[in-house]
N, C-alpha and C. Protein backbone atom coordinates (compact mmCIF):
# COMPACT_ATOMS: atom_id res chain seq x y z
N UNK A 1 81.93 98.84 88.39
CA UNK A 1 83.13 99.58 87.99
C UNK A 1 83.60 99.07 86.63
N UNK A 2 83.88 99.96 85.67
CA UNK A 2 84.35 99.57 84.36
C UNK A 2 85.74 98.97 84.43
N UNK A 3 86.09 98.20 83.39
CA UNK A 3 87.39 97.53 83.39
C UNK A 3 88.54 98.53 83.46
N UNK A 4 88.42 99.67 82.73
CA UNK A 4 89.50 100.66 82.76
C UNK A 4 89.71 101.20 84.17
N UNK A 5 88.60 101.53 84.84
CA UNK A 5 88.72 102.05 86.19
C UNK A 5 89.29 100.99 87.13
N UNK A 6 88.86 99.73 86.94
CA UNK A 6 89.41 98.65 87.76
C UNK A 6 90.92 98.54 87.56
N UNK A 7 91.34 98.69 86.30
CA UNK A 7 92.77 98.55 86.00
C UNK A 7 93.58 99.69 86.59
N UNK A 8 93.18 100.93 86.32
CA UNK A 8 93.97 102.06 86.82
C UNK A 8 93.94 102.14 88.34
N UNK A 9 92.89 101.60 88.95
CA UNK A 9 92.81 101.60 90.41
C UNK A 9 93.86 100.68 91.02
N UNK A 10 94.45 99.79 90.19
CA UNK A 10 95.49 98.90 90.68
C UNK A 10 96.77 99.65 91.01
N UNK A 11 96.89 100.90 90.58
CA UNK A 11 98.09 101.66 90.92
C UNK A 11 98.20 101.87 92.42
N UNK A 12 97.07 101.85 93.10
CA UNK A 12 97.08 102.09 94.55
C UNK A 12 97.62 100.88 95.31
N UNK A 13 97.04 99.71 95.05
CA UNK A 13 97.48 98.48 95.70
C UNK A 13 97.23 97.32 94.75
N UNK A 14 98.21 96.98 93.92
CA UNK A 14 98.01 95.92 92.93
C UNK A 14 97.61 94.60 93.56
N UNK A 15 96.55 94.02 93.02
CA UNK A 15 96.05 92.73 93.51
C UNK A 15 95.55 91.91 92.33
N UNK A 16 95.65 90.59 92.43
CA UNK A 16 95.09 89.70 91.43
C UNK A 16 95.70 89.86 90.05
N UNK A 17 94.97 89.40 89.05
CA UNK A 17 95.47 89.40 87.67
C UNK A 17 95.73 90.81 87.16
N UNK A 18 94.77 91.71 87.37
CA UNK A 18 94.95 93.09 86.91
C UNK A 18 96.12 93.76 87.63
N UNK A 19 96.29 93.41 88.89
CA UNK A 19 97.42 93.95 89.65
C UNK A 19 98.74 93.50 89.08
N UNK A 20 98.81 92.24 88.66
CA UNK A 20 100.04 91.72 88.06
C UNK A 20 100.34 92.44 86.75
N UNK A 21 99.29 92.70 85.97
CA UNK A 21 99.46 93.47 84.73
C UNK A 21 99.99 94.87 85.03
N UNK A 22 99.43 95.51 86.03
CA UNK A 22 99.84 96.86 86.40
C UNK A 22 101.30 96.89 86.83
N UNK A 23 101.68 95.96 87.70
CA UNK A 23 103.05 95.92 88.21
C UNK A 23 104.04 95.65 87.08
N UNK A 24 103.66 94.78 86.15
CA UNK A 24 104.54 94.50 85.01
C UNK A 24 104.80 95.75 84.19
N UNK A 25 103.81 96.64 84.12
CA UNK A 25 103.97 97.88 83.36
C UNK A 25 104.70 98.97 84.11
N UNK A 26 104.72 98.89 85.45
CA UNK A 26 105.33 99.95 86.25
C UNK A 26 106.82 100.09 85.98
N UNK A 27 107.53 98.96 85.89
CA UNK A 27 108.98 99.03 85.76
C UNK A 27 109.42 99.80 84.53
N UNK A 28 108.75 99.57 83.41
CA UNK A 28 109.11 100.28 82.19
C UNK A 28 108.46 101.63 82.07
N UNK A 29 107.22 101.72 82.50
CA UNK A 29 106.44 102.93 82.31
C UNK A 29 106.97 104.16 83.03
N UNK A 30 107.62 103.95 84.17
CA UNK A 30 108.11 105.09 84.96
C UNK A 30 109.64 105.19 84.97
N UNK A 31 110.30 104.41 84.13
CA UNK A 31 111.76 104.32 84.19
C UNK A 31 112.46 105.66 83.94
N UNK A 32 112.05 106.38 82.88
CA UNK A 32 112.72 107.64 82.56
C UNK A 32 112.53 108.66 83.68
N UNK A 33 111.32 108.71 84.24
CA UNK A 33 111.05 109.63 85.34
C UNK A 33 111.90 109.28 86.55
N UNK A 34 111.98 107.97 86.87
CA UNK A 34 112.75 107.54 88.03
C UNK A 34 114.23 107.86 87.86
N UNK A 35 114.75 107.62 86.66
CA UNK A 35 116.17 107.91 86.40
C UNK A 35 116.45 109.41 86.49
N UNK A 36 115.50 110.21 86.01
CA UNK A 36 115.65 111.67 86.14
C UNK A 36 115.70 112.04 87.62
N UNK A 37 114.83 111.45 88.42
CA UNK A 37 114.84 111.73 89.85
C UNK A 37 116.16 111.33 90.50
N UNK A 38 116.64 110.14 90.17
CA UNK A 38 117.89 109.65 90.77
C UNK A 38 119.09 110.51 90.38
N UNK A 39 119.01 111.18 89.24
CA UNK A 39 120.12 112.02 88.80
C UNK A 39 120.37 113.18 89.76
N UNK A 40 119.40 113.46 90.63
CA UNK A 40 119.55 114.55 91.59
C UNK A 40 120.28 114.12 92.86
N UNK A 41 120.56 112.82 92.98
CA UNK A 41 121.32 112.32 94.12
C UNK A 41 122.80 112.37 93.74
N UNK A 42 123.43 113.51 94.02
CA UNK A 42 124.78 113.74 93.51
C UNK A 42 125.88 113.60 94.55
N UNK A 43 125.60 113.89 95.79
CA UNK A 43 126.68 113.90 96.78
C UNK A 43 126.58 112.77 97.80
N UNK A 44 125.39 112.23 98.01
CA UNK A 44 125.21 111.21 99.02
C UNK A 44 125.82 109.87 98.57
N UNK A 45 126.45 109.18 99.52
CA UNK A 45 126.99 107.84 99.27
C UNK A 45 126.42 106.92 100.36
N UNK A 46 125.21 106.46 100.20
CA UNK A 46 124.54 105.71 101.26
C UNK A 46 125.03 104.26 101.37
N UNK A 47 124.93 103.74 102.59
CA UNK A 47 125.23 102.33 102.83
C UNK A 47 123.94 101.53 103.01
N UNK A 48 122.94 102.18 103.58
CA UNK A 48 121.64 101.53 103.80
C UNK A 48 120.55 102.38 103.15
N UNK A 49 119.79 101.78 102.24
CA UNK A 49 118.75 102.49 101.49
C UNK A 49 117.40 101.82 101.73
N UNK A 50 116.38 102.64 101.89
CA UNK A 50 115.01 102.15 102.01
C UNK A 50 114.21 102.64 100.81
N UNK A 51 113.68 101.70 100.02
CA UNK A 51 112.86 102.04 98.85
C UNK A 51 111.40 101.74 99.20
N UNK A 52 110.60 102.80 99.31
CA UNK A 52 109.23 102.67 99.83
C UNK A 52 108.24 102.66 98.66
N UNK A 53 107.33 101.69 98.70
CA UNK A 53 106.38 101.54 97.59
C UNK A 53 107.11 101.06 96.36
N UNK A 54 107.81 99.94 96.50
CA UNK A 54 108.78 99.51 95.48
C UNK A 54 108.16 99.01 94.19
N UNK A 55 106.84 98.75 94.18
CA UNK A 55 106.19 98.31 92.94
C UNK A 55 106.86 97.06 92.37
N UNK A 56 107.22 97.10 91.09
CA UNK A 56 107.84 95.95 90.44
C UNK A 56 109.30 95.74 90.74
N UNK A 57 109.92 96.65 91.50
CA UNK A 57 111.29 96.45 91.97
C UNK A 57 112.39 97.03 91.10
N UNK A 58 112.02 97.65 89.99
CA UNK A 58 113.02 98.18 89.08
C UNK A 58 113.88 99.27 89.73
N UNK A 59 113.26 100.17 90.47
CA UNK A 59 114.02 101.28 91.06
C UNK A 59 114.95 100.80 92.17
N UNK A 60 114.53 99.78 92.90
CA UNK A 60 115.43 99.18 93.89
C UNK A 60 116.66 98.63 93.18
N UNK A 61 116.44 97.98 92.04
CA UNK A 61 117.55 97.45 91.26
C UNK A 61 118.49 98.52 90.76
N UNK A 62 117.93 99.66 90.35
CA UNK A 62 118.77 100.77 89.86
C UNK A 62 119.57 101.39 91.01
N UNK A 63 118.99 101.45 92.18
CA UNK A 63 119.72 101.97 93.34
C UNK A 63 120.88 101.04 93.71
N UNK A 64 120.65 99.75 93.57
CA UNK A 64 121.70 98.77 93.82
C UNK A 64 122.86 98.98 92.85
N UNK A 65 122.54 99.26 91.59
CA UNK A 65 123.58 99.53 90.59
C UNK A 65 124.30 100.85 90.86
N UNK A 66 123.52 101.86 91.22
CA UNK A 66 124.08 103.21 91.43
C UNK A 66 125.03 103.24 92.62
N UNK A 67 124.69 102.46 93.66
CA UNK A 67 125.49 102.45 94.88
C UNK A 67 125.97 101.02 95.15
N UNK A 68 127.10 100.62 94.54
CA UNK A 68 127.56 99.23 94.62
C UNK A 68 127.95 98.75 96.01
N UNK A 69 128.10 99.67 96.96
CA UNK A 69 128.45 99.26 98.33
C UNK A 69 127.26 99.34 99.28
N UNK A 70 126.09 99.62 98.73
CA UNK A 70 124.90 99.80 99.58
C UNK A 70 124.03 98.55 99.60
N UNK A 71 123.24 98.45 100.66
CA UNK A 71 122.19 97.43 100.76
C UNK A 71 120.84 98.14 100.66
N UNK A 72 119.92 97.53 99.94
CA UNK A 72 118.61 98.14 99.72
C UNK A 72 117.51 97.29 100.35
N UNK A 73 116.69 97.93 101.16
CA UNK A 73 115.49 97.30 101.68
C UNK A 73 114.32 97.89 100.91
N UNK A 74 113.58 97.05 100.19
CA UNK A 74 112.46 97.51 99.37
C UNK A 74 111.16 97.02 100.01
N UNK A 75 110.21 97.94 100.23
CA UNK A 75 108.95 97.55 100.84
C UNK A 75 107.75 98.00 99.99
N UNK A 76 106.67 97.26 100.13
CA UNK A 76 105.42 97.62 99.48
C UNK A 76 104.30 96.94 100.27
N UNK A 77 103.12 97.54 100.28
CA UNK A 77 102.03 96.89 101.02
C UNK A 77 101.16 96.03 100.12
N UNK A 78 101.56 95.87 98.88
CA UNK A 78 100.90 94.96 97.95
C UNK A 78 101.71 93.66 97.86
N UNK A 79 101.07 92.53 98.13
CA UNK A 79 101.75 91.24 98.02
C UNK A 79 102.20 90.98 96.59
N UNK A 80 101.38 91.42 95.61
CA UNK A 80 101.74 91.25 94.20
C UNK A 80 103.05 91.99 93.90
N UNK A 81 103.18 93.21 94.41
CA UNK A 81 104.39 94.00 94.20
C UNK A 81 105.60 93.34 94.86
N UNK A 82 105.41 92.85 96.07
CA UNK A 82 106.51 92.19 96.79
C UNK A 82 106.99 90.98 96.00
N UNK A 83 106.07 90.20 95.47
CA UNK A 83 106.44 89.03 94.68
C UNK A 83 107.22 89.42 93.43
N UNK A 84 106.72 90.43 92.72
CA UNK A 84 107.38 90.88 91.49
C UNK A 84 108.76 91.46 91.78
N UNK A 85 108.86 92.30 92.80
CA UNK A 85 110.13 92.93 93.15
C UNK A 85 111.14 91.89 93.62
N UNK A 86 110.67 90.84 94.27
CA UNK A 86 111.56 89.77 94.72
C UNK A 86 112.16 89.03 93.53
N UNK A 87 111.33 88.73 92.55
CA UNK A 87 111.83 88.05 91.34
C UNK A 87 112.79 88.96 90.59
N UNK A 88 112.42 90.23 90.45
CA UNK A 88 113.22 91.19 89.69
C UNK A 88 114.62 91.34 90.30
N UNK A 89 114.70 91.32 91.63
CA UNK A 89 115.98 91.54 92.31
C UNK A 89 116.54 90.26 92.93
N UNK A 90 116.20 89.13 92.34
CA UNK A 90 116.59 87.84 92.93
C UNK A 90 118.11 87.69 93.08
N UNK A 91 118.86 88.19 92.10
CA UNK A 91 120.32 88.06 92.15
C UNK A 91 120.89 88.88 93.31
N UNK A 92 120.40 90.12 93.46
CA UNK A 92 120.87 90.98 94.55
C UNK A 92 120.46 90.41 95.90
N UNK A 93 119.28 89.81 95.97
CA UNK A 93 118.83 89.18 97.21
C UNK A 93 119.76 88.02 97.57
N UNK A 94 120.08 87.21 96.57
CA UNK A 94 120.97 86.06 96.77
C UNK A 94 122.35 86.51 97.24
N UNK A 95 122.79 87.68 96.76
CA UNK A 95 124.10 88.21 97.13
C UNK A 95 124.09 89.03 98.42
N UNK A 96 122.94 89.09 99.06
CA UNK A 96 122.84 89.79 100.34
C UNK A 96 122.78 91.30 100.23
N UNK A 97 122.45 91.80 99.03
CA UNK A 97 122.43 93.25 98.84
C UNK A 97 121.02 93.83 98.82
N UNK A 98 120.02 92.98 98.88
CA UNK A 98 118.65 93.47 98.79
C UNK A 98 117.73 92.61 99.64
N UNK A 99 116.79 93.27 100.29
CA UNK A 99 115.71 92.61 101.02
C UNK A 99 114.41 93.19 100.50
N UNK A 100 113.46 92.35 100.15
CA UNK A 100 112.13 92.81 99.74
C UNK A 100 111.12 92.26 100.73
N UNK A 101 110.30 93.13 101.26
CA UNK A 101 109.34 92.69 102.27
C UNK A 101 108.08 93.54 102.22
N UNK A 102 107.04 93.00 102.81
CA UNK A 102 105.79 93.75 102.90
C UNK A 102 105.94 94.81 103.97
N UNK A 103 105.41 96.00 103.70
CA UNK A 103 105.52 97.08 104.68
C UNK A 103 104.50 98.16 104.42
N UNK A 104 104.12 98.85 105.47
CA UNK A 104 103.13 99.93 105.41
C UNK A 104 103.79 101.21 105.89
N UNK A 105 103.90 102.20 105.02
CA UNK A 105 104.61 103.43 105.37
C UNK A 105 103.94 104.20 106.50
N UNK A 106 102.65 103.95 106.73
CA UNK A 106 101.97 104.67 107.82
C UNK A 106 102.28 104.06 109.19
N UNK A 107 102.92 102.88 109.20
CA UNK A 107 103.29 102.21 110.46
C UNK A 107 104.51 101.33 110.19
N UNK A 108 105.65 101.95 109.99
CA UNK A 108 106.85 101.20 109.65
C UNK A 108 107.36 100.38 110.84
N UNK A 109 107.68 99.14 110.57
CA UNK A 109 108.24 98.25 111.60
C UNK A 109 109.68 97.94 111.23
N UNK A 110 110.47 98.98 111.08
CA UNK A 110 111.87 98.88 110.71
C UNK A 110 112.73 99.52 111.79
N UNK A 111 114.00 99.18 111.86
CA UNK A 111 114.87 99.77 112.88
C UNK A 111 114.94 101.28 112.75
N UNK A 112 114.87 101.96 113.87
CA UNK A 112 114.96 103.42 113.85
C UNK A 112 116.39 103.87 113.57
N UNK A 113 116.49 104.99 112.86
CA UNK A 113 117.77 105.63 112.55
C UNK A 113 118.76 104.66 111.90
N UNK A 114 118.28 103.87 110.95
CA UNK A 114 119.14 102.89 110.27
C UNK A 114 119.58 103.34 108.89
N UNK A 115 118.71 104.06 108.18
CA UNK A 115 118.93 104.28 106.75
C UNK A 115 119.54 105.65 106.45
N UNK A 116 120.44 105.66 105.47
CA UNK A 116 121.06 106.91 105.01
C UNK A 116 120.18 107.60 103.97
N UNK A 117 119.42 106.78 103.22
CA UNK A 117 118.61 107.30 102.12
C UNK A 117 117.29 106.55 102.06
N UNK A 118 116.20 107.29 101.92
CA UNK A 118 114.88 106.70 101.66
C UNK A 118 114.36 107.30 100.36
N UNK A 119 113.72 106.47 99.55
CA UNK A 119 113.19 106.95 98.28
C UNK A 119 111.73 106.55 98.14
N UNK A 120 110.99 107.38 97.40
CA UNK A 120 109.57 107.11 97.15
C UNK A 120 109.25 107.60 95.73
N UNK A 121 109.11 106.67 94.81
CA UNK A 121 108.82 107.00 93.42
C UNK A 121 107.35 106.74 93.12
N UNK A 122 106.63 107.75 92.68
CA UNK A 122 105.25 107.58 92.22
C UNK A 122 104.38 106.84 93.23
N UNK A 123 104.49 107.22 94.50
CA UNK A 123 103.75 106.45 95.50
C UNK A 123 103.04 107.30 96.55
N UNK A 124 103.52 108.51 96.81
CA UNK A 124 102.94 109.26 97.94
C UNK A 124 101.51 109.69 97.67
N UNK A 125 101.05 109.59 96.40
CA UNK A 125 99.66 109.91 96.08
C UNK A 125 98.68 109.10 96.93
N UNK A 126 99.12 107.93 97.37
CA UNK A 126 98.23 107.01 98.06
C UNK A 126 98.54 106.87 99.55
N UNK A 127 99.46 107.67 100.05
CA UNK A 127 99.82 107.56 101.47
C UNK A 127 98.73 108.20 102.33
N UNK A 128 98.34 107.53 103.41
CA UNK A 128 97.24 108.03 104.26
C UNK A 128 97.68 109.14 105.21
N UNK A 129 97.87 110.33 104.67
CA UNK A 129 98.30 111.48 105.48
C UNK A 129 99.79 111.70 105.34
N UNK A 130 100.17 112.73 104.56
CA UNK A 130 101.58 112.95 104.28
C UNK A 130 102.41 113.18 105.52
N UNK A 131 101.96 114.07 106.37
CA UNK A 131 102.77 114.42 107.55
C UNK A 131 103.03 113.20 108.43
N UNK A 132 101.99 112.41 108.65
CA UNK A 132 102.11 111.20 109.47
C UNK A 132 103.10 110.21 108.84
N UNK A 133 102.96 109.97 107.55
CA UNK A 133 103.84 109.02 106.86
C UNK A 133 105.26 109.56 106.75
N UNK A 134 105.41 110.85 106.50
CA UNK A 134 106.74 111.44 106.44
C UNK A 134 107.45 111.32 107.80
N UNK A 135 106.70 111.45 108.88
CA UNK A 135 107.28 111.29 110.22
C UNK A 135 107.76 109.86 110.43
N UNK A 136 107.04 108.89 109.87
CA UNK A 136 107.47 107.50 109.95
C UNK A 136 108.80 107.30 109.21
N UNK A 137 108.93 107.95 108.05
CA UNK A 137 110.17 107.86 107.29
C UNK A 137 111.31 108.52 108.07
N UNK A 138 111.04 109.68 108.65
CA UNK A 138 112.07 110.37 109.44
C UNK A 138 112.56 109.50 110.58
N UNK A 139 111.66 108.75 111.15
CA UNK A 139 111.99 107.89 112.30
C UNK A 139 113.06 106.85 111.96
N UNK A 140 113.02 106.32 110.73
CA UNK A 140 113.96 105.25 110.37
C UNK A 140 115.22 105.77 109.67
N UNK A 141 115.26 107.08 109.39
CA UNK A 141 116.46 107.68 108.80
C UNK A 141 117.46 108.09 109.88
N UNK A 142 118.73 107.96 109.55
CA UNK A 142 119.78 108.46 110.43
C UNK A 142 119.72 109.99 110.47
N UNK A 143 120.32 110.57 111.49
CA UNK A 143 120.46 112.03 111.51
C UNK A 143 121.30 112.44 110.30
N UNK A 144 120.80 113.38 109.54
CA UNK A 144 121.47 113.79 108.31
C UNK A 144 121.08 112.96 107.11
N UNK A 145 120.21 111.97 107.32
CA UNK A 145 119.74 111.13 106.23
C UNK A 145 118.89 111.89 105.24
N UNK A 146 118.77 111.35 104.04
CA UNK A 146 118.08 112.02 102.94
C UNK A 146 116.84 111.24 102.53
N UNK A 147 115.77 111.98 102.26
CA UNK A 147 114.52 111.40 101.76
C UNK A 147 114.22 112.04 100.42
N UNK A 148 114.12 111.21 99.38
CA UNK A 148 113.83 111.72 98.04
C UNK A 148 112.47 111.22 97.55
N UNK A 149 111.65 112.16 97.09
CA UNK A 149 110.34 111.86 96.52
C UNK A 149 110.37 112.24 95.05
N UNK A 150 109.93 111.34 94.19
CA UNK A 150 109.87 111.63 92.76
C UNK A 150 108.45 111.33 92.27
N UNK A 151 107.80 112.35 91.72
CA UNK A 151 106.43 112.21 91.24
C UNK A 151 106.32 112.60 89.78
N UNK A 152 105.46 111.90 89.06
CA UNK A 152 105.20 112.23 87.67
C UNK A 152 104.28 113.44 87.57
N UNK A 153 103.56 113.72 88.66
CA UNK A 153 102.62 114.84 88.68
C UNK A 153 103.09 115.93 89.63
N UNK A 154 102.95 117.17 89.19
CA UNK A 154 103.28 118.31 90.05
C UNK A 154 102.04 118.84 90.78
N UNK A 155 100.96 118.06 90.71
CA UNK A 155 99.75 118.43 91.42
C UNK A 155 98.85 119.38 90.67
N UNK A 156 99.28 119.79 89.46
CA UNK A 156 98.46 120.72 88.68
C UNK A 156 98.19 120.23 87.26
N UNK A 157 98.89 119.19 86.81
CA UNK A 157 98.73 118.76 85.43
C UNK A 157 97.38 118.06 85.23
N UNK A 158 96.77 118.32 84.11
CA UNK A 158 95.40 117.88 83.85
C UNK A 158 95.25 116.36 83.84
N UNK A 159 96.22 115.66 83.24
CA UNK A 159 96.11 114.20 83.15
C UNK A 159 96.03 113.55 84.51
N UNK A 160 96.94 113.93 85.41
CA UNK A 160 96.95 113.33 86.74
C UNK A 160 95.71 113.70 87.54
N UNK A 161 95.24 114.91 87.37
CA UNK A 161 94.04 115.33 88.10
C UNK A 161 92.81 114.56 87.63
N UNK A 162 92.81 114.14 86.35
CA UNK A 162 91.72 113.29 85.86
C UNK A 162 91.77 111.93 86.53
N UNK A 163 92.98 111.37 86.65
CA UNK A 163 93.12 110.08 87.31
C UNK A 163 92.77 110.17 88.79
N UNK A 164 93.05 111.32 89.38
CA UNK A 164 92.71 111.54 90.79
C UNK A 164 91.21 111.36 91.02
N UNK A 165 90.41 111.75 90.03
CA UNK A 165 88.95 111.61 90.14
C UNK A 165 88.48 110.18 89.94
N UNK A 166 89.28 109.40 89.21
CA UNK A 166 88.92 108.02 88.89
C UNK A 166 89.36 107.04 89.98
N UNK A 167 90.56 107.25 90.52
CA UNK A 167 91.17 106.29 91.45
C UNK A 167 90.86 106.69 92.89
N UNK A 168 90.17 105.82 93.59
CA UNK A 168 89.84 106.08 95.00
C UNK A 168 91.12 106.20 95.83
N UNK A 169 91.16 107.23 96.67
CA UNK A 169 92.30 107.39 97.57
C UNK A 169 93.51 108.06 96.97
N UNK A 170 93.42 108.50 95.72
CA UNK A 170 94.56 109.16 95.09
C UNK A 170 94.50 110.66 95.30
N UNK A 171 95.64 111.25 95.64
CA UNK A 171 95.73 112.69 95.83
C UNK A 171 97.04 113.19 95.23
N UNK A 172 96.96 114.10 94.27
CA UNK A 172 98.15 114.70 93.66
C UNK A 172 98.54 115.95 94.46
N UNK A 173 99.83 116.05 94.78
CA UNK A 173 100.31 117.15 95.61
C UNK A 173 101.24 118.06 94.82
N UNK A 174 101.20 119.34 95.13
CA UNK A 174 102.16 120.27 94.57
C UNK A 174 103.47 120.16 95.36
N UNK A 175 104.55 120.63 94.76
CA UNK A 175 105.84 120.60 95.45
C UNK A 175 105.76 121.38 96.76
N UNK A 176 105.01 122.47 96.76
CA UNK A 176 104.87 123.30 97.96
C UNK A 176 104.15 122.52 99.08
N UNK A 177 103.12 121.77 98.72
CA UNK A 177 102.40 120.97 99.72
C UNK A 177 103.30 119.88 100.30
N UNK A 178 104.10 119.27 99.44
CA UNK A 178 105.02 118.23 99.91
C UNK A 178 106.08 118.84 100.84
N UNK A 179 106.63 119.97 100.43
CA UNK A 179 107.64 120.64 101.25
C UNK A 179 107.10 120.99 102.63
N UNK A 180 105.90 121.52 102.67
CA UNK A 180 105.28 121.91 103.95
C UNK A 180 105.12 120.70 104.86
N UNK A 181 104.62 119.59 104.30
CA UNK A 181 104.42 118.37 105.10
C UNK A 181 105.75 117.81 105.59
N UNK A 182 106.78 117.88 104.77
CA UNK A 182 108.10 117.40 105.18
C UNK A 182 108.65 118.20 106.35
N UNK A 183 108.52 119.50 106.28
CA UNK A 183 109.03 120.35 107.36
C UNK A 183 108.26 120.12 108.65
N UNK A 184 106.96 119.92 108.54
CA UNK A 184 106.15 119.64 109.73
C UNK A 184 106.50 118.28 110.34
N UNK A 185 106.99 117.38 109.50
CA UNK A 185 107.36 116.04 109.97
C UNK A 185 108.78 115.98 110.52
N UNK A 186 109.47 117.12 110.49
CA UNK A 186 110.80 117.17 111.10
C UNK A 186 111.97 117.22 110.14
N UNK A 187 111.69 117.35 108.85
CA UNK A 187 112.78 117.45 107.88
C UNK A 187 113.22 118.90 107.71
N UNK A 188 114.47 119.07 107.29
CA UNK A 188 114.99 120.42 107.03
C UNK A 188 115.66 120.43 105.66
N UNK A 189 116.09 121.59 105.22
CA UNK A 189 116.79 121.73 103.95
C UNK A 189 116.03 121.02 102.82
N UNK A 190 114.79 121.37 102.66
CA UNK A 190 113.95 120.75 101.64
C UNK A 190 114.12 121.50 100.32
N UNK A 191 114.39 120.76 99.25
CA UNK A 191 114.58 121.38 97.94
C UNK A 191 113.78 120.62 96.89
N UNK A 192 113.04 121.35 96.06
CA UNK A 192 112.27 120.70 95.00
C UNK A 192 112.77 121.18 93.65
N UNK A 193 112.69 120.26 92.68
CA UNK A 193 113.12 120.56 91.31
C UNK A 193 112.00 120.13 90.37
N UNK A 194 111.68 120.99 89.43
CA UNK A 194 110.63 120.71 88.45
C UNK A 194 111.28 120.45 87.09
N UNK A 195 110.86 119.38 86.42
CA UNK A 195 111.39 119.08 85.09
C UNK A 195 111.07 120.23 84.14
N UNK A 196 111.99 120.53 83.25
CA UNK A 196 111.80 121.71 82.39
C UNK A 196 110.71 121.52 81.34
N UNK A 197 110.41 120.28 80.99
CA UNK A 197 109.41 120.04 79.94
C UNK A 197 108.20 119.23 80.37
N UNK A 198 108.26 118.61 81.51
CA UNK A 198 107.20 117.72 81.97
C UNK A 198 106.75 118.12 83.38
N UNK A 199 105.61 117.61 83.83
CA UNK A 199 105.15 117.95 85.18
C UNK A 199 105.82 117.15 86.28
N UNK A 200 106.97 116.56 85.99
CA UNK A 200 107.68 115.76 86.98
C UNK A 200 108.31 116.65 88.04
N UNK A 201 108.31 116.15 89.26
CA UNK A 201 108.99 116.87 90.36
C UNK A 201 109.83 115.91 91.19
N UNK A 202 110.93 116.43 91.67
CA UNK A 202 111.79 115.72 92.63
C UNK A 202 111.92 116.60 93.86
N UNK A 203 111.62 116.02 95.01
CA UNK A 203 111.76 116.76 96.28
C UNK A 203 112.74 116.00 97.16
N UNK A 204 113.77 116.69 97.60
CA UNK A 204 114.79 116.07 98.45
C UNK A 204 114.83 116.80 99.78
N UNK A 205 114.77 116.03 100.86
CA UNK A 205 114.77 116.60 102.20
C UNK A 205 115.82 115.91 103.05
N UNK A 206 116.39 116.66 103.96
CA UNK A 206 117.39 116.11 104.88
C UNK A 206 116.81 116.11 106.28
N UNK A 207 117.05 115.04 107.01
CA UNK A 207 116.57 114.93 108.40
C UNK A 207 117.45 115.78 109.31
């Protein structure tokens, strides 16, 4: 495997030196997209937030800032990501506002019906079966809880589809495919928004 392919493959599960490089780039590289996604959270005032696939921890930190009365649980199945996110949010962890832990979205070991809001930024491309994983998210959300997905790819843009061929286990989804899987997993009132100039999408669903 060439070095470039080895590097970009770290987006799935960062490990080792290349994984650390990838995670270091995630926080800045996806910041504008993540902030655009968060701008769609206009009415919810959550107390308990679950950030799934937290990567370098930047988005967990932004959620902590956005909701000063909320606690954020950030999970990732990469040990490298957990380490980075822990350092990034060390102050919030010390203040009891953030927990960072290892977790697998396909088999969540979290309290059921605990969270008001779950978020997933640039991560569902690698989830092993959308409907199954979405059902796991629904399980830990309160009734009326919100699940927000933010992707840089709308499932049709050429750049992401090229990476899909390079990175094992990567799958780019259209907003329609995401909506269908969410509804099958038990979510209702699903709404998707497409960025006016970029292939970014935000999908928000209510349990």
